[in-house]
């Protein structure tokens, strides 16, 4: 993949009820990554794979295009995630999975197998899981909405406690967990 030609990337941290969320966007204001600060190593690996020519410029979160919509989401305006422009790079399967995830409504979950079937790859549940795990935009590309075939919570890069909180937040906005 060639180096990004969008100019200077910007990076900032948004305070959330689940801890700081690191946002990286390009000069056009498109979100390229959103990762929990305590998963900084995962973000660093993703940035290295993008072959950035220089480190993102650190800015206040308020200067990032996605921050207001994410703050609104965490305040209960769940559909605001749809307003965030993303520019993702990945394999054809990864992009299909991430697009399908963005198409799920807040509060809706799917199993890896049902998503695989919906994408025309009914035997590819593990590949769907791998694509989900490679998602660079936590929350915005809602990988937390994928669950096991029996409905159980399965792996989440941000930890199962965050996944549980996000799903509860989306299912019953008036009764968000503390």
Protein backbone atom coordinates (compact mmCIF):
# COMPACT_ATOMS: atom_id res chain seq x y z
CA UNK A 1 0.00 0.00 0.00
CA UNK A 2 1.49 3.39 -0.92
CA UNK A 3 2.11 6.07 1.65
CA UNK A 4 -0.93 8.24 2.32
CA UNK A 5 -0.99 11.41 0.27
CA UNK A 6 -3.65 13.28 2.22
CA UNK A 7 -1.16 15.57 3.92
CA UNK A 8 -0.72 15.95 7.64
CA UNK A 9 -2.68 13.58 9.82
CA UNK A 10 -4.04 14.79 13.16
CA UNK A 11 -4.35 12.90 16.39
CA UNK A 12 -6.24 13.75 19.56
CA UNK A 13 -7.78 12.10 22.59
CA UNK A 14 -11.47 12.23 23.38
CA UNK A 15 -12.53 11.66 26.99
CA UNK A 16 -15.28 9.01 27.12
CA UNK A 17 -17.04 7.16 29.94
CA UNK A 18 -14.84 4.17 29.02
CA UNK A 19 -11.52 6.02 29.07
CA UNK A 20 -9.64 8.09 26.52
CA UNK A 21 -10.29 7.25 22.87
CA UNK A 22 -7.41 8.18 20.55
CA UNK A 23 -8.66 9.53 17.21
CA UNK A 24 -6.53 9.84 14.07
CA UNK A 25 -7.90 11.64 11.04
CA UNK A 26 -6.54 12.83 7.74
CA UNK A 27 -6.35 16.42 6.52
CA UNK A 28 -9.80 16.05 4.94
CA UNK A 29 -11.33 15.29 8.36
CA UNK A 30 -11.94 11.60 7.65
CA UNK A 31 -11.42 9.27 10.59
CA UNK A 32 -8.65 6.78 9.95
CA UNK A 33 -8.37 5.23 13.41
CA UNK A 34 -10.08 5.27 16.79
CA UNK A 35 -8.46 3.20 19.50
CA UNK A 36 -8.56 3.10 23.28
CA UNK A 37 -5.48 4.72 24.75
CA UNK A 38 -4.67 1.62 26.77
CA UNK A 39 -4.33 -0.21 23.41
CA UNK A 40 -1.71 2.23 22.16
CA UNK A 41 0.53 -0.57 20.85
CA UNK A 42 -2.29 -1.76 18.56
CA UNK A 43 -2.69 1.78 17.22
CA UNK A 44 1.07 2.12 16.70
CA UNK A 45 1.10 -1.10 14.64
CA UNK A 46 -1.79 0.18 12.52
CA UNK A 47 -0.08 3.54 11.93
CA UNK A 48 3.11 1.73 10.89
CA UNK A 49 1.16 -0.39 8.39
CA UNK A 50 -0.26 2.82 6.89
CA UNK A 51 3.33 3.89 6.17
CA UNK A 52 2.83 7.39 7.41
CA UNK A 53 5.68 9.60 6.35
CA UNK A 54 5.56 11.43 9.67
CA UNK A 55 3.79 11.13 12.99
CA UNK A 56 0.31 12.62 13.24
CA UNK A 57 0.15 16.14 14.61
CA UNK A 58 -1.33 16.15 18.13
CA UNK A 59 -4.31 18.49 18.48
CA UNK A 60 -7.12 19.07 20.94
CA UNK A 61 -9.93 16.58 20.38
CA UNK A 62 -12.29 19.48 19.67
CA UNK A 63 -10.31 20.18 16.48
CA UNK A 64 -11.10 16.71 15.09
CA UNK A 65 -14.15 16.27 12.89
CA UNK A 66 -15.31 13.07 14.61
CA UNK A 67 -15.11 14.29 18.20
CA UNK A 68 -18.49 16.08 18.42
CA UNK A 69 -20.39 13.14 16.94
CA UNK A 70 -18.60 10.69 19.24
CA UNK A 71 -19.31 12.88 22.29
CA UNK A 72 -22.97 12.98 21.23
CA UNK A 73 -22.99 9.19 20.84
CA UNK A 74 -21.66 8.72 24.36
CA UNK A 75 -24.28 11.22 25.60
CA UNK A 76 -27.05 9.05 24.10
CA UNK A 77 -27.47 10.30 20.51
CA UNK A 78 -26.60 6.87 19.12
CA UNK A 79 -27.23 7.63 15.46
CA UNK A 80 -24.49 10.28 15.44
CA UNK A 81 -21.96 7.55 14.61
CA UNK A 82 -23.47 7.54 11.12
CA UNK A 83 -22.35 11.16 10.65
CA UNK A 84 -18.65 10.33 10.97
CA UNK A 85 -16.75 10.14 7.69
CA UNK A 86 -14.21 7.32 7.64
CA UNK A 87 -11.49 6.43 5.18
CA UNK A 88 -10.43 2.87 5.78
CA UNK A 89 -7.78 0.77 4.10
CA UNK A 90 -7.89 -2.99 4.18
CA UNK A 91 -8.48 -6.11 2.16
CA UNK A 92 -11.68 -6.53 0.18
CA UNK A 93 -13.07 -8.78 2.92
CA UNK A 94 -12.11 -6.36 5.71
CA UNK A 95 -13.76 -3.47 3.89
CA UNK A 96 -16.92 -5.54 3.31
CA UNK A 97 -17.08 -6.53 6.99
CA UNK A 98 -16.49 -2.97 8.21
CA UNK A 99 -19.12 -1.62 5.83
CA UNK A 100 -21.62 -4.24 7.00
CA UNK A 101 -20.90 -3.36 10.61
CA UNK A 102 -21.57 0.31 9.91
CA UNK A 103 -24.90 -0.79 8.47
CA UNK A 104 -26.04 -2.37 11.75
CA UNK A 105 -28.32 -0.21 13.86
CA UNK A 106 -27.39 0.68 17.43
CA UNK A 107 -28.61 -2.07 19.71
CA UNK A 108 -28.53 -4.67 16.92
CA UNK A 109 -26.09 -7.54 17.23
CA UNK A 110 -25.10 -10.23 14.78
CA UNK A 111 -23.14 -13.41 15.10
CA UNK A 112 -19.98 -13.88 13.11
CA UNK A 113 -21.68 -16.69 11.20
CA UNK A 114 -24.76 -14.65 10.30
CA UNK A 115 -22.59 -11.79 9.08
CA UNK A 116 -20.56 -14.27 7.02
CA UNK A 117 -23.77 -15.60 5.47
CA UNK A 118 -25.03 -12.06 4.77
CA UNK A 119 -21.77 -11.36 2.94
CA UNK A 120 -22.19 -14.48 0.81
CA UNK A 121 -19.45 -16.40 2.62
CA UNK A 122 -21.37 -18.74 4.94
CA UNK A 123 -18.30 -20.79 5.87
CA UNK A 124 -16.11 -17.80 6.65
CA UNK A 125 -17.08 -16.98 10.24
CA UNK A 126 -13.43 -17.13 11.36
CA UNK A 127 -12.33 -14.87 8.51
CA UNK A 128 -15.10 -12.46 9.51
CA UNK A 129 -13.75 -12.59 13.06
CA UNK A 130 -10.23 -11.82 11.85
CA UNK A 131 -11.48 -8.88 9.78
CA UNK A 132 -13.46 -7.65 12.75
CA UNK A 133 -10.39 -7.89 14.97
CA UNK A 134 -8.40 -5.80 12.47
CA UNK A 135 -10.92 -2.94 12.63
CA UNK A 136 -8.97 0.32 13.11
CA UNK A 137 -11.99 2.43 14.18
CA UNK A 138 -13.36 1.21 17.52
CA UNK A 139 -16.93 2.31 18.26
CA UNK A 140 -17.35 4.09 14.88
CA UNK A 141 -17.06 0.81 12.98
CA UNK A 142 -19.06 -1.00 15.65
CA UNK A 143 -17.18 -4.28 15.94
CA UNK A 144 -18.62 -4.55 19.45
CA UNK A 145 -21.95 -5.53 17.81
CA UNK A 146 -20.63 -8.96 16.77
CA UNK A 147 -21.32 -11.75 19.25
CA UNK A 148 -20.89 -15.50 19.36
CA UNK A 149 -23.41 -17.83 17.70
CA UNK A 150 -25.02 -18.43 21.10
CA UNK A 151 -25.27 -14.68 21.79
CA UNK A 152 -22.34 -14.63 24.21
CA UNK A 153 -19.88 -11.78 24.19
CA UNK A 154 -16.66 -12.78 22.50
CA UNK A 155 -13.34 -11.00 22.12
CA UNK A 156 -13.08 -7.25 21.82
CA UNK A 157 -9.75 -5.42 21.50
CA UNK A 158 -10.93 -2.87 24.06
CA UNK A 159 -11.88 -5.59 26.54
CA UNK A 160 -15.15 -7.35 27.25
CA UNK A 161 -16.15 -4.83 29.94
CA UNK A 162 -16.14 -2.07 27.31
CA UNK A 163 -18.03 -4.25 24.84
CA UNK A 164 -20.65 -5.01 27.49
CA UNK A 165 -20.96 -1.29 28.32
CA UNK A 166 -21.29 -0.28 24.65
CA UNK A 167 -24.00 -2.86 23.99
CA UNK A 168 -25.92 -1.85 27.12
CA UNK A 169 -25.52 1.82 26.18
CA UNK A 170 -26.99 1.18 22.75
CA UNK A 171 -29.79 -1.10 23.87
CA UNK A 172 -31.21 1.10 26.63
CA UNK A 173 -29.96 4.70 26.32
CA UNK A 174 -32.00 5.83 29.33
CA UNK A 175 -30.43 3.20 31.59
CA UNK A 176 -26.75 3.40 30.69
CA UNK A 177 -24.41 1.51 33.02
CA UNK A 178 -22.33 3.62 35.37
